Amino acid sequence: MTAPGTTGPVDNDRYEIRLRGQLDSRWSDWFEGFALNVSDGDTTLTGRVTDQAALHGLLRRIGDLGLTLISVTALTHTPLNRIEGEEP
């Protein structure tokens, strides 16, 4: 995947997914090794996905459980090559 204005692919494989409700650590395997953290009655899943298809599959699992999705945040978004027009 190439980000707009860049000359190469983007490293964007770590995500934080916030859910309404509390899930215990037993769900970590079901969520493909994502780390689970519970705070203020909500659960945060943090981890890597291999590609966009894997991310969509994870979001489908969340929907299949009837959980309320609060947010999905990409934690890394670093161009692997320089941005066009930028001095090296």
N, C-alpha and C. Protein backbone atom coordinates (compact mmCIF):
# COMPACT_ATOMS: atom_id res chain seq x y z
N MET A 1 0.84 -1.17 0.00
CA MET A 1 0.00 0.00 0.00
C MET A 1 0.88 1.23 0.00
N THR A 2 0.57 2.21 -0.81
CA THR A 2 1.33 3.45 -0.88
C THR A 2 0.47 4.59 -0.40
N ALA A 3 0.97 5.35 0.56
CA ALA A 3 0.24 6.49 1.08
C ALA A 3 0.29 7.64 0.09
N PRO A 4 -0.75 8.48 0.06
CA PRO A 4 -0.73 9.63 -0.84
C PRO A 4 0.49 10.50 -0.56
N GLY A 5 1.17 10.92 -1.62
CA GLY A 5 2.31 11.80 -1.46
C GLY A 5 3.60 11.11 -1.08
N THR A 6 3.64 9.78 -1.04
CA THR A 6 4.86 9.07 -0.70
C THR A 6 5.34 8.27 -1.90
N THR A 7 6.57 7.84 -1.81
CA THR A 7 7.14 7.08 -2.92
C THR A 7 7.21 5.59 -2.64
N GLY A 8 6.66 5.15 -1.51
CA GLY A 8 6.76 3.73 -1.16
C GLY A 8 5.63 3.30 -0.26
N PRO A 9 5.67 2.03 0.18
CA PRO A 9 4.62 1.49 1.03
C PRO A 9 4.63 2.12 2.41
N VAL A 10 3.55 1.88 3.15
CA VAL A 10 3.38 2.44 4.49
C VAL A 10 3.35 1.31 5.51
N ASP A 11 4.04 1.49 6.63
CA ASP A 11 3.98 0.55 7.74
C ASP A 11 2.80 0.97 8.60
N ASN A 12 1.69 0.25 8.49
CA ASN A 12 0.47 0.64 9.19
C ASN A 12 -0.22 -0.62 9.71
N ASP A 13 0.50 -1.41 10.49
CA ASP A 13 -0.03 -2.72 10.86
C ASP A 13 -0.39 -2.84 12.34
N ARG A 14 -0.19 -1.81 13.14
CA ARG A 14 -0.55 -1.85 14.57
C ARG A 14 -1.80 -1.03 14.78
N TYR A 15 -2.75 -1.62 15.52
CA TYR A 15 -4.02 -0.95 15.76
C TYR A 15 -4.42 -1.02 17.22
N GLU A 16 -5.19 -0.01 17.62
CA GLU A 16 -5.85 -0.01 18.93
C GLU A 16 -7.34 0.01 18.64
N ILE A 17 -8.04 -0.98 19.16
CA ILE A 17 -9.47 -1.11 18.94
C ILE A 17 -10.16 -1.02 20.29
N ARG A 18 -11.02 -0.01 20.45
CA ARG A 18 -11.72 0.18 21.72
C ARG A 18 -13.14 -0.35 21.61
N LEU A 19 -13.55 -1.11 22.64
CA LEU A 19 -14.86 -1.74 22.70
C LEU A 19 -15.57 -1.36 23.98
N ARG A 20 -16.88 -1.23 23.90
CA ARG A 20 -17.68 -0.99 25.10
C ARG A 20 -17.83 -2.32 25.83
N GLY A 21 -17.59 -2.32 27.13
CA GLY A 21 -17.72 -3.53 27.93
C GLY A 21 -16.37 -4.10 28.32
N GLN A 22 -16.42 -5.07 29.21
CA GLN A 22 -15.19 -5.66 29.74
C GLN A 22 -15.03 -7.10 29.28
N LEU A 23 -13.91 -7.35 28.62
CA LEU A 23 -13.54 -8.72 28.23
C LEU A 23 -12.34 -9.12 29.07
N ASP A 24 -12.32 -10.37 29.54
CA ASP A 24 -11.15 -10.80 30.31
C ASP A 24 -10.08 -11.36 29.38
N SER A 25 -8.92 -11.64 29.93
CA SER A 25 -7.75 -12.04 29.13
C SER A 25 -7.96 -13.35 28.37
N ARG A 26 -8.94 -14.15 28.74
CA ARG A 26 -9.19 -15.40 28.01
C ARG A 26 -9.57 -15.16 26.56
N TRP A 27 -10.04 -13.96 26.25
CA TRP A 27 -10.44 -13.63 24.89
C TRP A 27 -9.25 -13.31 23.99
N SER A 28 -8.07 -13.14 24.55
CA SER A 28 -6.89 -12.74 23.77
C SER A 28 -6.63 -13.69 22.60
N ASP A 29 -6.70 -15.00 22.83
CA ASP A 29 -6.48 -15.96 21.75
C ASP A 29 -7.54 -15.82 20.66
N TRP A 30 -8.76 -15.56 21.06
CA TRP A 30 -9.84 -15.42 20.10
C TRP A 30 -9.62 -14.19 19.23
N PHE A 31 -8.96 -13.19 19.79
CA PHE A 31 -8.66 -11.97 19.04
C PHE A 31 -7.23 -12.00 18.50
N GLU A 32 -6.79 -13.16 18.08
CA GLU A 32 -5.55 -13.36 17.35
C GLU A 32 -4.33 -12.76 18.03
N GLY A 33 -4.25 -12.95 19.36
CA GLY A 33 -3.07 -12.52 20.09
C GLY A 33 -3.04 -11.05 20.46
N PHE A 34 -4.10 -10.31 20.23
CA PHE A 34 -4.13 -8.91 20.63
C PHE A 34 -4.06 -8.82 22.15
N ALA A 35 -3.37 -7.82 22.65
CA ALA A 35 -3.33 -7.56 24.09
C ALA A 35 -4.64 -6.89 24.49
N LEU A 36 -5.22 -7.35 25.61
CA LEU A 36 -6.46 -6.78 26.10
C LEU A 36 -6.17 -5.97 27.35
N ASN A 37 -6.76 -4.78 27.41
CA ASN A 37 -6.63 -3.93 28.58
C ASN A 37 -8.02 -3.39 28.90
N VAL A 38 -8.45 -3.54 30.16
CA VAL A 38 -9.77 -3.06 30.58
C VAL A 38 -9.57 -1.82 31.45
N SER A 39 -10.30 -0.76 31.08
CA SER A 39 -10.22 0.50 31.82
C SER A 39 -11.54 1.24 31.70
N ASP A 40 -12.05 1.73 32.80
CA ASP A 40 -13.30 2.51 32.82
C ASP A 40 -14.46 1.77 32.17
N GLY A 41 -14.51 0.46 32.33
CA GLY A 41 -15.61 -0.33 31.79
C GLY A 41 -15.51 -0.65 30.32
N ASP A 42 -14.45 -0.22 29.66
CA ASP A 42 -14.24 -0.51 28.24
C ASP A 42 -13.01 -1.38 28.06
N THR A 43 -12.94 -2.07 26.93
CA THR A 43 -11.80 -2.93 26.62
C THR A 43 -11.04 -2.35 25.44
N THR A 44 -9.73 -2.33 25.56
CA THR A 44 -8.88 -1.90 24.46
C THR A 44 -8.07 -3.10 23.98
N LEU A 45 -8.18 -3.39 22.69
CA LEU A 45 -7.38 -4.43 22.04
C LEU A 45 -6.24 -3.72 21.31
N THR A 46 -5.01 -4.17 21.52
CA THR A 46 -3.87 -3.57 20.85
C THR A 46 -3.03 -4.67 20.22
N GLY A 47 -2.71 -4.52 18.94
CA GLY A 47 -1.90 -5.53 18.30
C GLY A 47 -1.72 -5.27 16.82
N ARG A 48 -1.11 -6.25 16.18
CA ARG A 48 -0.78 -6.16 14.75
C ARG A 48 -1.75 -7.00 13.93
N VAL A 49 -1.97 -6.53 12.71
CA VAL A 49 -2.71 -7.31 11.72
C VAL A 49 -1.84 -7.43 10.48
N THR A 50 -1.99 -8.50 9.74
CA THR A 50 -1.14 -8.73 8.58
C THR A 50 -1.51 -7.86 7.39
N ASP A 51 -2.80 -7.54 7.25
CA ASP A 51 -3.25 -6.72 6.13
C ASP A 51 -4.67 -6.24 6.41
N GLN A 52 -5.22 -5.48 5.49
CA GLN A 52 -6.56 -4.93 5.68
C GLN A 52 -7.63 -6.03 5.76
N ALA A 53 -7.45 -7.11 5.04
CA ALA A 53 -8.42 -8.22 5.11
C ALA A 53 -8.46 -8.80 6.52
N ALA A 54 -7.30 -8.93 7.16
CA ALA A 54 -7.25 -9.44 8.53
C ALA A 54 -7.92 -8.46 9.50
N LEU A 55 -7.73 -7.16 9.28
CA LEU A 55 -8.38 -6.16 10.13
C LEU A 55 -9.89 -6.25 9.99
N HIS A 56 -10.38 -6.37 8.76
CA HIS A 56 -11.82 -6.49 8.55
C HIS A 56 -12.37 -7.77 9.17
N GLY A 57 -11.60 -8.85 9.10
CA GLY A 57 -12.02 -10.10 9.74
C GLY A 57 -12.13 -9.94 11.25
N LEU A 58 -11.20 -9.24 11.85
CA LEU A 58 -11.23 -8.98 13.29
C LEU A 58 -12.45 -8.14 13.65
N LEU A 59 -12.73 -7.14 12.85
CA LEU A 59 -13.91 -6.30 13.11
C LEU A 59 -15.21 -7.09 12.94
N ARG A 60 -15.23 -8.04 12.01
CA ARG A 60 -16.41 -8.91 11.87
C ARG A 60 -16.60 -9.77 13.12
N ARG A 61 -15.51 -10.27 13.68
CA ARG A 61 -15.61 -11.07 14.92
C ARG A 61 -16.22 -10.24 16.04
N ILE A 62 -15.78 -8.99 16.13
CA ILE A 62 -16.32 -8.09 17.15
C ILE A 62 -17.82 -7.91 16.94
N GLY A 63 -18.23 -7.69 15.70
CA GLY A 63 -19.64 -7.55 15.38
C GLY A 63 -20.42 -8.82 15.66
N ASP A 64 -19.84 -9.97 15.34
CA ASP A 64 -20.51 -11.25 15.57
C ASP A 64 -20.77 -11.49 17.06
N LEU A 65 -19.91 -10.94 17.92
CA LEU A 65 -20.10 -11.07 19.37
C LEU A 65 -21.13 -10.08 19.90
N GLY A 66 -21.55 -9.15 19.06
CA GLY A 66 -22.52 -8.15 19.49
C GLY A 66 -21.89 -7.05 20.35
N LEU A 67 -20.56 -6.91 20.26
CA LEU A 67 -19.88 -5.88 21.03
C LEU A 67 -20.00 -4.53 20.34
N THR A 68 -20.02 -3.48 21.13
CA THR A 68 -20.09 -2.13 20.58
C THR A 68 -18.69 -1.60 20.32
N LEU A 69 -18.43 -1.25 19.07
CA LEU A 69 -17.15 -0.70 18.66
C LEU A 69 -17.13 0.79 18.96
N ILE A 70 -16.13 1.24 19.71
CA ILE A 70 -15.99 2.66 20.04
C ILE A 70 -15.06 3.34 19.04
N SER A 71 -13.90 2.73 18.79
CA SER A 71 -12.96 3.34 17.85
C SER A 71 -11.95 2.33 17.35
N VAL A 72 -11.37 2.64 16.18
CA VAL A 72 -10.25 1.89 15.61
C VAL A 72 -9.19 2.93 15.27
N THR A 73 -8.00 2.78 15.84
CA THR A 73 -6.93 3.74 15.63
C THR A 73 -5.68 3.05 15.12
N ALA A 74 -5.15 3.53 13.99
CA ALA A 74 -3.87 3.04 13.49
C ALA A 74 -2.78 3.66 14.36
N LEU A 75 -1.93 2.82 14.95
CA LEU A 75 -0.90 3.32 15.86
C LEU A 75 0.37 3.71 15.15
N THR A 76 0.61 3.17 13.98
CA THR A 76 1.78 3.55 13.20
C THR A 76 1.33 3.95 11.82
N HIS A 77 1.96 4.93 11.30
CA HIS A 77 1.66 5.39 9.95
C HIS A 77 2.90 6.11 9.45
N THR A 78 3.96 5.34 9.22
CA THR A 78 5.25 5.88 8.87
C THR A 78 5.61 5.52 7.44
N PRO A 79 5.79 6.50 6.57
CA PRO A 79 6.23 6.17 5.22
C PRO A 79 7.59 5.47 5.27
N LEU A 80 7.72 4.39 4.53
CA LEU A 80 8.97 3.65 4.51
C LEU A 80 10.01 4.33 3.62
N ASN A 81 9.55 5.14 2.69
CA ASN A 81 10.44 5.93 1.83
C ASN A 81 10.09 7.40 2.06
N ARG A 82 10.93 8.28 1.54
CA ARG A 82 10.72 9.69 1.77
C ARG A 82 9.44 10.20 1.10
N ILE A 83 8.92 11.30 1.60
CA ILE A 83 7.74 11.95 1.00
C ILE A 83 8.20 12.75 -0.20
N GLU A 84 7.43 12.69 -1.30
CA GLU A 84 7.79 13.40 -2.52
C GLU A 84 7.93 14.88 -2.23
N GLY A 85 8.97 15.51 -2.77
CA GLY A 85 9.20 16.92 -2.60
C GLY A 85 9.98 17.26 -1.35
N GLU A 86 10.21 16.29 -0.49
CA GLU A 86 10.94 16.52 0.75
C GLU A 86 12.42 16.29 0.49
N GLU A 87 13.25 17.15 1.05
CA GLU A 87 14.70 16.99 0.89
C GLU A 87 15.18 15.78 1.66
N PRO A 88 16.13 15.00 1.10
CA PRO A 88 16.63 13.80 1.79
C PRO A 88 17.44 14.17 3.02
